[in-house]
C-alpha atoms as a PDB file:
ATOM      1  CA  MET A   1     -61.886  88.195  30.932  1.00  0.00           C
ATOM      2  CA  LYS A   2     -64.436  87.611  33.668  1.00  0.00           C
ATOM      3  CA  LYS A   3     -61.671  86.805  36.148  1.00  0.00           C
ATOM      4  CA  SER A   4     -59.928  90.080  35.255  1.00  0.00           C
ATOM      5  CA  ILE A   5     -63.118  92.097  35.828  1.00  0.00           C
ATOM      6  CA  LEU A   6     -63.785  90.379  39.150  1.00  0.00           C
ATOM      7  CA  LEU A   7     -60.194  91.052  40.234  1.00  0.00           C
ATOM      8  CA  ASP A   8     -60.534  94.744  39.317  1.00  0.00           C
ATOM      9  CA  VAL A   9     -63.816  95.001  41.280  1.00  0.00           C
ATOM     10  CA  LEU A  10     -62.185  93.340  44.267  1.00  0.00           C
ATOM     11  CA  LYS A  11     -59.249  95.771  44.139  1.00  0.00           C
ATOM     12  CA  ILE A  12     -61.588  98.776  43.950  1.00  0.00           C
ATOM     13  CA  THR A  13     -63.622  97.441  46.868  1.00  0.00           C
ATOM     14  CA  VAL A  14     -60.501  96.995  49.001  1.00  0.00           C
ATOM     15  CA  VAL A  15     -59.254 100.510  48.162  1.00  0.00           C
ATOM     16  CA  LEU A  16     -62.611 102.089  48.969  1.00  0.00           C
ATOM     17  CA  GLY A  17     -62.720 100.141  52.226  1.00  0.00           C
ATOM     18  CA  LEU A  18     -59.268 101.423  53.222  1.00  0.00           C
ATOM     19  CA  VAL A  19     -60.263 104.987  52.328  1.00  0.00           C
ATOM     20  CA  TRP A  20     -63.382 104.704  54.479  1.00  0.00           C
ATOM     21  CA  LEU A  21     -61.394 103.299  57.424  1.00  0.00           C
ATOM     22  CA  ALA A  22     -58.832 106.105  57.128  1.00  0.00           C
ATOM     23  CA  PHE A  23     -61.584 108.735  57.005  1.00  0.00           C
ATOM     24  CA  ALA A  24     -63.328 107.249  60.043  1.00  0.00           C
ATOM     25  CA  TYR A  25     -60.040 107.123  61.993  1.00  0.00           C
ATOM     26  CA  PHE A  26     -58.894 110.661  61.251  1.00  0.00           C
ATOM     27  CA  SER A  27     -62.425 112.054  61.629  1.00  0.00           C
ATOM     28  CA  GLY A  28     -62.652 110.527  65.087  1.00  0.00           C
ATOM     29  CA  LYS A  29     -59.177 111.792  65.961  1.00  0.00           C
ATOM     30  CA  LEU A  30     -60.115 115.275  64.765  1.00  0.00           C
ATOM     31  CA  ASN A  31     -63.234 115.336  66.915  1.00  0.00           C
ATOM     32  CA  THR A  32     -61.178 114.147  69.900  1.00  0.00           C
ATOM     33  CA  ASP A  33     -58.622 116.897  69.318  1.00  0.00           C
ATOM     34  CA  LEU A  34     -61.422 119.476  69.122  1.00  0.00           C
ATOM     35  CA  ASP A  35     -62.817 118.265  72.450  1.00  0.00           C
ATOM     36  CA  LEU A  36     -59.385 118.456  74.077  1.00  0.00           C
ATOM     37  CA  SER A  37     -58.827 121.980  72.769  1.00  0.00           C
ATOM     38  CA  ILE A  38     -61.630 123.282  74.990  1.00  0.00           C
ATOM     39  CA  SER A  39     -59.938 123.584  78.374  1.00  0.00           C
ATOM     40  CA  VAL A  40     -61.855 123.492  81.644  1.00  0.00           C
ATOM     41  CA  ALA A  41     -61.090 127.192  82.123  1.00  0.00           C
ATOM     42  CA  ASN A  42     -62.588 128.039  78.729  1.00  0.00           C
ATOM     43  CA  GLU A  43     -65.552 125.778  79.375  1.00  0.00           C
ATOM     44  CA  GLU A  44     -66.230 127.630  82.636  1.00  0.00           C
ATOM     45  CA  LYS A  45     -66.008 130.967  80.804  1.00  0.00           C
ATOM     46  CA  LEU A  46     -68.368 129.661  78.150  1.00  0.00           C
ATOM     47  CA  GLY A  47     -70.820 128.498  80.801  1.00  0.00           C
ATOM     48  CA  LYS A  48     -70.682 131.821  82.615  1.00  0.00           C
ATOM     49  CA  VAL A  49     -71.386 133.764  79.426  1.00  0.00           C
ATOM     50  CA  LEU A  50     -74.294 131.542  78.403  1.00  0.00           C
ATOM     51  CA  VAL A  51     -75.837 131.495  81.875  1.00  0.00           C
ATOM     52  CA  ASP A  52     -75.283 135.108  82.960  1.00  0.00           C
ATOM     53  CA  ASP A  53     -75.700 136.868  79.619  1.00  0.00           C
ATOM     54  CA  VAL A  54     -78.392 134.705  78.031  1.00  0.00           C
ATOM     55  CA  LEU A  55     -80.394 132.424  80.317  1.00  0.00           C
ATOM     56  CA  LEU A  56     -80.596 134.674  83.367  1.00  0.00           C
ATOM     57  CA  ASN A  57     -81.374 137.668  81.131  1.00  0.00           C
ATOM     58  CA  ASP A  58     -84.274 135.867  79.495  1.00  0.00           C
ATOM     59  CA  SER A  59     -87.538 137.358  80.787  1.00  0.00           C
ATOM     60  CA  LYS A  60     -89.243 134.002  80.259  1.00  0.00           C
ATOM     61  CA  ILE A  61     -86.957 132.274  82.737  1.00  0.00           C
ATOM     62  CA  LYS A  62     -87.825 132.799  86.389  1.00  0.00           C
ATOM     63  CA  LEU A  63     -85.701 131.223  89.084  1.00  0.00           C
ATOM     64  CA  GLU A  64     -87.249 129.633  92.155  1.00  0.00           C
ATOM     65  CA  THR A  65     -86.383 131.730  95.216  1.00  0.00           C
ATOM     66  CA  ASN A  66     -88.403 129.852  97.849  1.00  0.00           C
ATOM     67  CA  PRO A  67     -86.015 129.197 100.789  1.00  0.00           C
ATOM     68  CA  ILE A  68     -87.553 125.773 101.542  1.00  0.00           C
ATOM     69  CA  VAL A  69     -87.089 124.622  97.952  1.00  0.00           C
ATOM     70  CA  ASP A  70     -83.605 126.129  97.743  1.00  0.00           C
ATOM     71  CA  SER A  71     -82.553 124.459 101.006  1.00  0.00           C
ATOM     72  CA  ALA A  72     -83.782 121.059  99.802  1.00  0.00           C
ATOM     73  CA  VAL A  73     -82.012 121.278  96.440  1.00  0.00           C
ATOM     74  CA  GLN A  74     -78.788 122.508  98.026  1.00  0.00           C
ATOM     75  CA  SER A  75     -78.902 119.665 100.545  1.00  0.00           C
ATOM     76  CA  ILE A  76     -79.238 117.122  97.749  1.00  0.00           C
ATOM     77  CA  THR A  77     -76.513 118.838  95.711  1.00  0.00           C
ATOM     78  CA  LYS A  78     -74.081 119.028  98.628  1.00  0.00           C
ATOM     79  CA  ARG A  79     -74.389 115.314  99.286  1.00  0.00           C
ATOM     80  CA  LEU A  80     -73.801 114.389  95.655  1.00  0.00           C
ATOM     81  CA  VAL A  81     -70.885 116.786  95.121  1.00  0.00           C
ATOM     82  CA  LYS A  82     -69.229 115.595  98.332  1.00  0.00           C
ATOM     83  CA  SER A  83     -69.354 112.044  96.950  1.00  0.00           C
ATOM     84  CA  ILE A  84     -67.843 112.923  93.556  1.00  0.00           C
ATOM     85  CA  GLY A  85     -64.302 113.206  94.845  1.00  0.00           C
ATOM     86  CA  LEU A  86     -61.896 115.032  92.535  1.00  0.00           C
ATOM     87  CA  THR A  87     -63.691 117.092  89.905  1.00  0.00           C
ATOM     88  CA  ASP A  88     -62.914 119.977  87.556  1.00  0.00           C
ATOM     89  CA  TYR A  89     -66.103 121.847  88.401  1.00  0.00           C
ATOM     90  CA  GLN A  90     -67.718 123.991  91.042  1.00  0.00           C
ATOM     91  CA  TYR A  91     -71.283 122.820  90.552  1.00  0.00           C
ATOM     92  CA  THR A  92     -74.096 125.354  90.608  1.00  0.00           C
ATOM     93  CA  ILE A  93     -77.644 123.996  90.503  1.00  0.00           C
ATOM     94  CA  ARG A  94     -80.583 126.350  90.004  1.00  0.00           C
ATOM     95  CA  VAL A  95     -84.350 125.745  89.929  1.00  0.00           C
ATOM     96  CA  ILE A  96     -86.411 127.240  87.106  1.00  0.00           C
ATOM     97  CA  LYS A  97     -90.093 127.940  87.710  1.00  0.00           C
ATOM     98  CA  SER A  98     -91.858 125.851  85.104  1.00  0.00           C
ATOM     99  CA  GLU A  99     -94.359 123.008  84.875  1.00  0.00           C
ATOM    100  CA  GLU A 100     -91.985 121.139  82.581  1.00  0.00           C
ATOM    101  CA  ILE A 101     -90.572 117.916  83.974  1.00  0.00           C
ATOM    102  CA  ASN A 102     -87.020 118.497  82.916  1.00  0.00           C
ATOM    103  CA  ALA A 103     -83.416 119.234  83.826  1.00  0.00           C
ATOM    104  CA  PHE A 104     -80.439 120.190  81.684  1.00  0.00           C
ATOM    105  CA  THR A 105     -76.723 120.787  81.918  1.00  0.00           C
ATOM    106  CA  MET A 106     -74.799 123.789  80.650  1.00  0.00           C
ATOM    107  CA  PRO A 107     -71.000 124.047  80.263  1.00  0.00           C
ATOM    108  CA  GLY A 108     -68.864 124.573  83.348  1.00  0.00           C
ATOM    109  CA  GLY A 109     -70.915 122.585  85.871  1.00  0.00           C
ATOM    110  CA  ASN A 110     -74.090 124.662  85.574  1.00  0.00           C
ATOM    111  CA  ILE A 111     -77.205 122.529  86.028  1.00  0.00           C
ATOM    112  CA  PHE A 112     -80.826 123.645  85.861  1.00  0.00           C
ATOM    113  CA  VAL A 113     -83.801 121.686  87.162  1.00  0.00           C
ATOM    114  CA  TYR A 114     -87.435 122.650  86.630  1.00  0.00           C
ATOM    115  CA  SER A 115     -89.843 123.029  89.548  1.00  0.00           C
ATOM    116  CA  GLY A 116     -92.228 120.733  87.649  1.00  0.00           C
ATOM    117  CA  LEU A 117     -89.704 117.939  88.077  1.00  0.00           C
ATOM    118  CA  LEU A 118     -89.545 118.570  91.827  1.00  0.00           C
ATOM    119  CA  LYS A 119     -93.325 118.259  92.049  1.00  0.00           C
ATOM    120  CA  PHE A 120     -93.291 115.098  89.937  1.00  0.00           C
ATOM    121  CA  ALA A 121     -90.592 113.402  92.034  1.00  0.00           C
ATOM    122  CA  GLU A 122     -91.896 111.267  94.887  1.00  0.00           C
ATOM    123  CA  SER A 123     -88.758 111.635  97.004  1.00  0.00           C
ATOM    124  CA  PRO A 124     -85.509 113.611  97.262  1.00  0.00           C
ATOM    125  CA  ASP A 125     -83.763 110.414  96.148  1.00  0.00           C
ATOM    126  CA  GLU A 126     -85.445 110.653  92.734  1.00  0.00           C
ATOM    127  CA  VAL A 127     -84.312 114.252  92.361  1.00  0.00           C
ATOM    128  CA  ALA A 128     -80.818 113.179  93.414  1.00  0.00           C
ATOM    129  CA  ALA A 129     -80.858 110.499  90.702  1.00  0.00           C
ATOM    130  CA  VAL A 130     -81.759 113.041  88.001  1.00  0.00           C
ATOM    131  CA  LEU A 131     -79.103 115.493  89.224  1.00  0.00           C
ATOM    132  CA  ALA A 132     -76.512 112.704  89.415  1.00  0.00           C
ATOM    133  CA  HIS A 133     -77.365 111.847  85.811  1.00  0.00           C
ATOM    134  CA  GLU A 134     -76.846 115.475  84.781  1.00  0.00           C
ATOM    135  CA  ILE A 135     -73.566 115.560  86.708  1.00  0.00           C
ATOM    136  CA  GLY A 136     -72.615 112.490  84.687  1.00  0.00           C
ATOM    137  CA  HIS A 137     -73.115 114.482  81.488  1.00  0.00           C
ATOM    138  CA  ALA A 138     -70.928 117.266  82.898  1.00  0.00           C
ATOM    139  CA  GLU A 139     -68.132 114.999  84.125  1.00  0.00           C
ATOM    140  CA  ASN A 140     -68.020 113.233  80.752  1.00  0.00           C
ATOM    141  CA  LYS A 141     -68.024 116.630  78.989  1.00  0.00           C
ATOM    142  CA  HIS A 142     -70.979 115.611  76.846  1.00  0.00           C
ATOM    143  CA  VAL A 143     -72.365 119.134  76.482  1.00  0.00           C
ATOM    144  CA  VAL A 144     -69.102 120.634  75.238  1.00  0.00           C
ATOM    145  CA  LYS A 145     -68.526 117.720  72.873  1.00  0.00           C
ATOM    146  CA  ARG A 146     -71.971 118.113  71.354  1.00  0.00           C
ATOM    147  CA  LEU A 147     -71.580 121.888  71.001  1.00  0.00           C
ATOM    148  CA  ALA A 148     -68.175 121.454  69.356  1.00  0.00           C
ATOM    149  CA  LYS A 149     -69.621 118.888  66.975  1.00  0.00           C
ATOM    150  CA  GLU A 150     -72.760 120.831  66.066  1.00  0.00           C
ATOM    151  CA  LEU A 151     -71.432 124.409  66.049  1.00  0.00           C
ATOM    152  CA  GLY A 152     -67.662 124.122  65.825  1.00  0.00           C
ATOM    153  CA  VAL A 153     -64.925 125.092  68.270  1.00  0.00           C
ATOM    154  CA  ALA A 154     -64.167 128.369  66.462  1.00  0.00           C
ATOM    155  CA  LEU A 155     -67.700 129.638  67.120  1.00  0.00           C
ATOM    156  CA  LEU A 156     -67.504 128.645  70.791  1.00  0.00           C
ATOM    157  CA  PHE A 157     -64.197 130.477  71.200  1.00  0.00           C
ATOM    158  CA  SER A 158     -65.565 133.542  69.409  1.00  0.00           C
ATOM    159  CA  ILE A 159     -68.191 134.218  72.070  1.00  0.00           C
ATOM    160  CA  LEU A 160     -65.543 134.190  74.823  1.00  0.00           C
ATOM    161  CA  SER A 161     -64.219 137.419  73.352  1.00  0.00           C
ATOM    162  CA  GLY A 162     -67.633 139.031  73.081  1.00  0.00           C
ATOM    163  CA  GLY A 163     -69.893 137.272  70.632  1.00  0.00           C
ATOM    164  CA  ASP A 164     -72.982 139.132  69.462  1.00  0.00           C
ATOM    165  CA  ALA A 165     -76.448 138.453  70.861  1.00  0.00           C
ATOM    166  CA  VAL A 166     -77.566 136.318  67.918  1.00  0.00           C
ATOM    167  CA  VAL A 167     -74.590 133.976  68.262  1.00  0.00           C
ATOM    168  CA  LEU A 168     -74.967 133.782  72.041  1.00  0.00           C
ATOM    169  CA  ASN A 169     -78.628 132.912  71.785  1.00  0.00           C
ATOM    170  CA  GLU A 170     -77.979 130.265  69.149  1.00  0.00           C
ATOM    171  CA  VAL A 171     -75.299 128.571  71.266  1.00  0.00           C
ATOM    172  CA  ALA A 172     -77.548 128.702  74.340  1.00  0.00           C
ATOM    173  CA  ARG A 173     -80.476 127.294  72.364  1.00  0.00           C
ATOM    174  CA  THR A 174     -78.330 124.457  71.079  1.00  0.00           C
ATOM    175  CA  ALA A 175     -76.974 123.710  74.559  1.00  0.00           C
ATOM    176  CA  THR A 176     -80.402 123.581  76.214  1.00  0.00           C
ATOM    177  CA  SER A 177     -81.987 121.521  73.446  1.00  0.00           C
ATOM    178  CA  THR A 178     -79.149 119.097  72.856  1.00  0.00           C
ATOM    179  CA  VAL A 179     -80.251 115.477  72.579  1.00  0.00           C
ATOM    180  CA  PHE A 180     -77.525 113.122  73.714  1.00  0.00           C
ATOM    181  CA  ASP A 181     -76.888 109.884  71.854  1.00  0.00           C
ATOM    182  CA  ARG A 182     -77.417 106.447  73.379  1.00  0.00           C
ATOM    183  CA  GLU A 183     -73.765 106.030  74.316  1.00  0.00           C
ATOM    184  CA  GLN A 184     -73.686 109.350  76.161  1.00  0.00           C
ATOM    185  CA  GLU A 185     -76.921 108.520  77.960  1.00  0.00           C
ATOM    186  CA  ARG A 186     -75.474 105.174  78.996  1.00  0.00           C
ATOM    187  CA  GLU A 187     -72.325 106.873  80.304  1.00  0.00           C
ATOM    188  CA  ALA A 188     -74.405 109.404  82.261  1.00  0.00           C
ATOM    189  CA  ASP A 189     -76.578 106.598  83.680  1.00  0.00           C
ATOM    190  CA  ASP A 190     -73.540 104.571  84.714  1.00  0.00           C
ATOM    191  CA  TYR A 191     -71.997 107.616  86.368  1.00  0.00           C
ATOM    192  CA  CYS A 192     -75.291 108.397  88.083  1.00  0.00           C
ATOM    193  CA  MET A 193     -75.652 104.939  89.611  1.00  0.00           C
ATOM    194  CA  SER A 194     -72.053 104.889  90.804  1.00  0.00           C
ATOM    195  CA  LEU A 195     -72.380 108.361  92.342  1.00  0.00           C
ATOM    196  CA  MET A 196     -75.683 107.469  94.009  1.00  0.00           C
ATOM    197  CA  GLU A 197     -74.074 104.430  95.607  1.00  0.00           C
ATOM    198  CA  LYS A 198     -71.161 106.539  96.877  1.00  0.00           C
ATOM    199  CA  ALA A 199     -73.666 109.023  98.332  1.00  0.00           C
ATOM    200  CA  LYS A 200     -75.459 106.131 100.100  1.00  0.00           C
ATOM    201  CA  LEU A 201     -78.565 106.585  97.983  1.00  0.00           C
ATOM    202  CA  ASN A 202     -80.363 103.812  96.111  1.00  0.00           C
ATOM    203  CA  PRO A 203     -79.352 103.938  92.408  1.00  0.00           C
ATOM    204  CA  LYS A 204     -82.630 102.236  91.526  1.00  0.00           C
ATOM    205  CA  SER A 205     -84.335 105.595  92.155  1.00  0.00           C
ATOM    206  CA  LEU A 206     -83.303 106.490  88.595  1.00  0.00           C
ATOM    207  CA  ALA A 207     -85.307 103.538  87.286  1.00  0.00           C
ATOM    208  CA  THR A 208     -88.400 104.313  89.355  1.00  0.00           C
ATOM    209  CA  PHE A 209     -88.343 107.945  88.210  1.00  0.00           C
ATOM    210  CA  PHE A 210     -88.051 107.172  84.497  1.00  0.00           C
ATOM    211  CA  ARG A 211     -90.555 104.349  84.701  1.00  0.00           C
ATOM    212  CA  ARG A 212     -93.171 106.732  86.088  1.00  0.00           C
ATOM    213  CA  VAL A 213     -92.223 109.232  83.376  1.00  0.00           C
ATOM    214  CA  ASP A 214     -92.873 106.537  80.775  1.00  0.00           C
ATOM    215  CA  GLU A 215     -96.204 105.630  82.359  1.00  0.00           C
ATOM    216  CA  MET A 216     -97.408 109.235  82.375  1.00  0.00           C
ATOM    217  CA  THR A 217     -96.085 110.348  78.989  1.00  0.00           C
ATOM    218  CA  GLY A 218     -99.397 109.806  77.245  1.00  0.00           C
ATOM    219  CA  ASP A 219    -101.258 112.008  79.737  1.00  0.00           C
ATOM    220  CA  VAL A 220     -98.889 114.935  80.135  1.00  0.00           C
ATOM    221  CA  ASP A 221     -96.702 114.752  77.047  1.00  0.00           C
ATOM    222  CA  ASN A 222     -96.670 118.556  76.653  1.00  0.00           C
ATOM    223  CA  ASN A 223     -94.778 118.881  79.929  1.00  0.00           C
ATOM    224  CA  MET A 224     -92.588 115.786  79.700  1.00  0.00           C
ATOM    225  CA  GLU A 225     -89.639 117.602  78.150  1.00  0.00           C
ATOM    226  CA  ILE A 226     -87.214 115.224  79.841  1.00  0.00           C
ATOM    227  CA  ILE A 227     -88.303 112.587  77.325  1.00  0.00           C
ATOM    228  CA  MET A 228     -87.077 114.808  74.482  1.00  0.00           C
ATOM    229  CA  THR A 229     -83.717 115.727  75.985  1.00  0.00           C
ATOM    230  CA  HIS A 230     -83.082 112.339  77.586  1.00  0.00           C
ATOM    231  CA  PRO A 231     -84.539 109.653  75.306  1.00  0.00           C
ATOM    232  CA  ASN A 232     -85.703 106.850  77.548  1.00  0.00           C
ATOM    233  CA  ASN A 233     -86.082 103.161  76.831  1.00  0.00           C
ATOM    234  CA  ASN A 234     -86.700  99.927  78.667  1.00  0.00           C
ATOM    235  CA  SER A 235     -83.039  98.883  78.569  1.00  0.00           C
ATOM    236  CA  ARG A 236     -81.995 101.951  80.590  1.00  0.00           C
ATOM    237  CA  ILE A 237     -84.608 101.217  83.240  1.00  0.00           C
ATOM    238  CA  LYS A 238     -83.602  97.560  83.248  1.00  0.00           C
ATOM    239  CA  ASN A 239     -79.909  98.420  83.664  1.00  0.00           C
ATOM    240  CA  ALA A 240     -80.682 100.634  86.656  1.00  0.00           C
ATOM    241  CA  LEU A 241     -82.824  97.968  88.289  1.00  0.00           C
ATOM    242  CA  GLU A 242     -80.098  95.368  87.767  1.00  0.00           C
ATOM    243  CA  TYR A 243     -77.272  97.579  89.053  1.00  0.00           C
ATOM    244  CA  LYS A 244     -75.110  95.487  91.395  1.00  0.00           C
ATOM    245  CA  LEU A 245     -74.662  97.143  94.765  1.00  0.00           C
ATOM    246  CA  LYS A 246     -71.810  96.323  97.104  1.00  0.00           C
ATOM    247  CA  PRO A 247     -72.720  93.598  99.631  1.00  0.00           C
ATOM    248  CA  ASN A 248     -72.446  95.952 102.617  1.00  0.00           C
ATOM    249  CA  PHE A 249     -74.367  98.825 100.973  1.00  0.00           C
ATOM    250  CA  LYS A 250     -76.775 100.728 103.215  1.00  0.00           C
ATOM    251  CA  THR A 251     -78.847 103.765 102.320  1.00  0.00           C
ATOM    252  CA  GLU A 252     -78.979 106.929 104.386  1.00  0.00           C
ATOM    253  CA  SER A 253     -82.250 108.811 103.973  1.00  0.00           C
ATOM    254  CA  PHE A 254     -82.385 112.569 103.565  1.00  0.00           C
ATOM    255  CA  ASN A 255     -83.497 114.368 106.680  1.00  0.00           C
ATOM    256  CA  MET A 256     -86.243 116.400 105.022  1.00  0.00           C
ATOM    257  CA  ASN A 257     -89.999 116.458 104.632  1.00  0.00           C
ATOM    258  CA  TRP A 258     -90.392 116.073 100.867  1.00  0.00           C
ATOM    259  CA  GLN A 259     -94.115 116.819 100.893  1.00  0.00           C
ATOM    260  CA  ARG A 260     -93.326 120.159 102.505  1.00  0.00           C
ATOM    261  CA  VAL A 261     -90.968 120.936  99.613  1.00  0.00           C
ATOM    262  CA  ILE A 262     -93.685 120.084  97.073  1.00  0.00           C
ATOM    263  CA  ASP A 263     -96.215 122.178  98.981  1.00  0.00           C
ATOM    264  CA  SER A 264     -93.783 125.108  98.904  1.00  0.00           C
ATOM    265  CA  VAL A 265     -93.425 124.810  95.129  1.00  0.00           C
ATOM    266  CA  ASN A 266     -97.215 124.686  94.747  1.00  0.00           C
ATOM    267  CA  ALA A 267     -97.660 127.685  97.058  1.00  0.00           C
ATOM    268  CA  GLY A 268     -95.171 129.662  94.974  1.00  0.00           C
ATOM    269  CA  ASP A 269     -97.015 128.715  91.784  1.00  0.00           C
ATOM    270  CA  GLU A 270    -100.323 129.812  93.277  1.00  0.00           C
ATOM    271  CA  LYS A 271     -98.890 133.149  94.414  1.00  0.00           C
ATOM    272  CA  ALA A 272     -97.380 133.768  90.959  1.00  0.00           C
ATOM    273  CA  SER A 273    -100.730 132.975  89.381  1.00  0.00           C
ATOM    274  CA  ASN A 274    -102.561 135.368  91.704  1.00  0.00           C
ATOM    275  CA  ASP A 275     -99.999 138.100  91.063  1.00  0.00           C
ATOM    276  CA  SER A 276    -100.410 137.718  87.292  1.00  0.00           C
ATOM    277  CA  ILE A 277    -104.194 138.055  87.632  1.00  0.00           C
ATOM    278  CA  LYS A 278    -103.792 141.315  89.521  1.00  0.00           C
END
């Protein structure tokens, strides 16, 4: 009798295990198919709608227009993009006026970096590391995958044909606040370090940037938004520090005065503050 009961329990356990494996397999396949159904062309359209119709129409978002700052960011961007090689995207990187230390990626190769991050960075190499990390998210299609998972492909397609303002704002909010999982962060980090090496920049700049972020979190946690959108940990810093460079690797410094860039950001902040007082 006992043997019969144990045998029945074993059979049920095996069946349930097979059902779980089947569910996991087909669920993963379904998610993969959903990702593949969003073409690059549709992703670019999605990015354009979210950026042009939502973000750039938001009165709270002010773009940095200082020519010195713009020139510096474009110089960094040009060097990174040139080193990517073949890519699906035409990258557009904009600077948002904000004290937040943050950067985020939108669909279609649209990347935003906050002026607070520029002021926090000690060199253009650190900014390049953050942008290379964001490019890693774009190249691995992390943003689109997360949007498809959280909101569904049908909703994303609906806004391409003229979604209402509520839907647009919800998709934009989800995109800008998306927290990537550990695997996606690792993929973005790996891509970042490889791209930095190709651009003849030291990949360890990613580690030095995040280590200083960690050290300062307790003092300026209200502005350290990058911690929320890019969860940091010691293993990520360790991996960047231990990244194996090619034996003949040599860095090529940016030909720019970084302190002048920071001063330009500060001058713009002071002018904006004075204008608001008036």
